[in-house]
Amino acid sequence: MPAKKTVSDAKRRAWLQKLYRRLRLRPKLTGIDIGYAWNGETQTKEKSVRVHLTQKRPLEALPEHEVIPKEIDGVRIDVLEGNYRLPENSLAQPQTKR
């Protein structure tokens, strides 16, 4: 079995930026970051570029132009579902203490 190629963080950051520019206007996008990939309910030890969507849909329900690949140029891409938002009044009260 061939050894797995190591992917640099710089390469991951480059793909994060490219994916952000490509996906930023999608209405279901809530974020893109670098972190550990997930396999179902289990976090792996493999770093990936993670694309966060409010709702994932089955691949067969997506038009081809909306499919996010599982890997690009050796960089793993993980699509996660989560509806992330700041609490409504999180910015309303200024922080006065350090």
Protein backbone atom coordinates (compact mmCIF):
# COMPACT_ATOMS: atom_id res chain seq x y z
CA MET A 1 0.00 0.00 0.00
CA PRO A 2 1.55 3.36 -1.01
CA ALA A 3 2.24 5.92 1.70
CA LYS A 4 -0.21 8.78 1.87
CA LYS A 5 1.17 12.09 0.60
CA THR A 6 1.47 14.84 3.18
CA VAL A 7 -0.40 18.02 2.30
CA SER A 8 0.95 21.31 3.63
CA ASP A 9 -1.14 23.81 5.57
CA ALA A 10 -0.19 26.42 2.95
CA LYS A 11 -1.78 24.27 0.25
CA ARG A 12 -4.91 23.85 2.40
CA ARG A 13 -5.12 27.63 2.96
CA ALA A 14 -4.77 28.23 -0.79
CA TRP A 15 -7.67 25.89 -1.51
CA LEU A 16 -9.71 27.40 1.32
CA GLN A 17 -9.37 30.81 -0.35
CA LYS A 18 -10.19 29.42 -3.81
CA LEU A 19 -13.27 27.59 -2.51
CA TYR A 20 -14.42 30.65 -0.61
CA ARG A 21 -14.28 32.78 -3.77
CA ARG A 22 -16.13 30.05 -5.69
CA LEU A 23 -18.82 29.29 -3.08
CA ARG A 24 -19.27 32.53 -1.13
CA LEU A 25 -22.53 33.51 -2.80
CA ARG A 26 -24.29 30.20 -2.20
CA PRO A 27 -27.25 30.83 0.10
CA LYS A 28 -26.66 27.71 2.23
CA LEU A 29 -22.96 28.44 2.92
CA THR A 30 -22.25 29.27 6.58
CA GLY A 31 -18.46 29.03 6.57
CA ILE A 32 -15.25 27.53 5.24
CA ASP A 33 -12.34 26.60 7.48
CA ILE A 34 -9.46 24.19 8.01
CA GLY A 35 -9.97 21.49 10.61
CA TYR A 36 -10.21 17.78 11.17
CA ALA A 37 -12.47 15.85 8.82
CA TRP A 38 -15.43 13.83 10.02
CA ASN A 39 -16.46 10.33 9.05
CA GLY A 40 -20.13 10.20 9.99
CA GLU A 41 -20.22 11.02 13.71
CA THR A 42 -16.49 10.38 14.26
CA GLN A 43 -13.79 13.01 13.97
CA THR A 44 -10.72 11.78 12.10
CA LYS A 45 -7.08 12.80 12.53
CA GLU A 46 -6.89 14.03 8.93
CA LYS A 47 -6.89 17.78 8.33
CA SER A 48 -9.20 19.04 5.60
CA VAL A 49 -10.77 22.13 4.16
CA ARG A 50 -14.25 22.07 5.65
CA VAL A 51 -17.22 23.59 3.84
CA HIS A 52 -20.12 24.30 6.21
CA LEU A 53 -23.66 24.36 4.80
CA THR A 54 -26.99 24.91 6.55
CA GLN A 55 -28.29 21.78 4.84
CA LYS A 56 -26.58 18.96 2.95
CA ARG A 57 -28.40 17.28 0.10
CA PRO A 58 -27.74 13.87 -1.49
CA LEU A 59 -25.28 13.99 -4.39
CA GLU A 60 -27.89 12.64 -6.79
CA ALA A 61 -30.16 15.62 -5.94
CA LEU A 62 -27.50 18.18 -6.91
CA PRO A 63 -26.86 19.60 -10.34
CA GLU A 64 -23.30 18.83 -11.44
CA HIS A 65 -22.15 22.45 -11.02
CA GLU A 66 -23.12 22.40 -7.30
CA VAL A 67 -21.22 19.23 -6.37
CA ILE A 68 -18.26 19.93 -4.08
CA PRO A 69 -15.48 17.41 -4.76
CA LYS A 70 -14.19 15.17 -1.95
CA GLU A 71 -10.58 16.04 -2.83
CA ILE A 72 -8.84 18.70 -4.88
CA ASP A 73 -5.14 18.49 -5.72
CA GLY A 74 -4.53 16.12 -2.80
CA VAL A 75 -6.42 18.34 -0.33
CA ARG A 76 -9.36 16.61 1.35
CA ILE A 77 -12.61 18.58 1.25
CA ASP A 78 -15.19 17.80 3.93
CA VAL A 79 -18.77 19.09 3.72
CA LEU A 80 -20.44 19.58 7.10
CA GLU A 81 -23.99 20.53 7.95
CA GLY A 82 -24.60 23.19 10.58
CA ASN A 83 -26.58 26.38 10.94
CA TYR A 84 -24.11 28.71 12.64
CA ARG A 85 -25.12 32.21 13.72
CA LEU A 86 -24.10 34.74 16.28
CA PRO A 87 -26.60 35.15 19.13
CA GLU A 88 -28.87 38.10 18.34
CA ASN A 89 -27.54 40.36 21.10
CA SER A 90 -23.92 39.17 21.12
CA LEU A 91 -22.69 42.50 19.73
CA ALA A 92 -25.25 44.70 21.46
CA GLN A 93 -23.38 44.97 24.77
CA PRO A 94 -19.84 46.35 24.51
CA GLN A 95 -17.22 44.47 26.51
CA THR A 96 -15.68 46.76 29.14
CA LYS A 97 -13.58 44.21 31.01
CA ARG A 98 -10.55 42.33 29.77
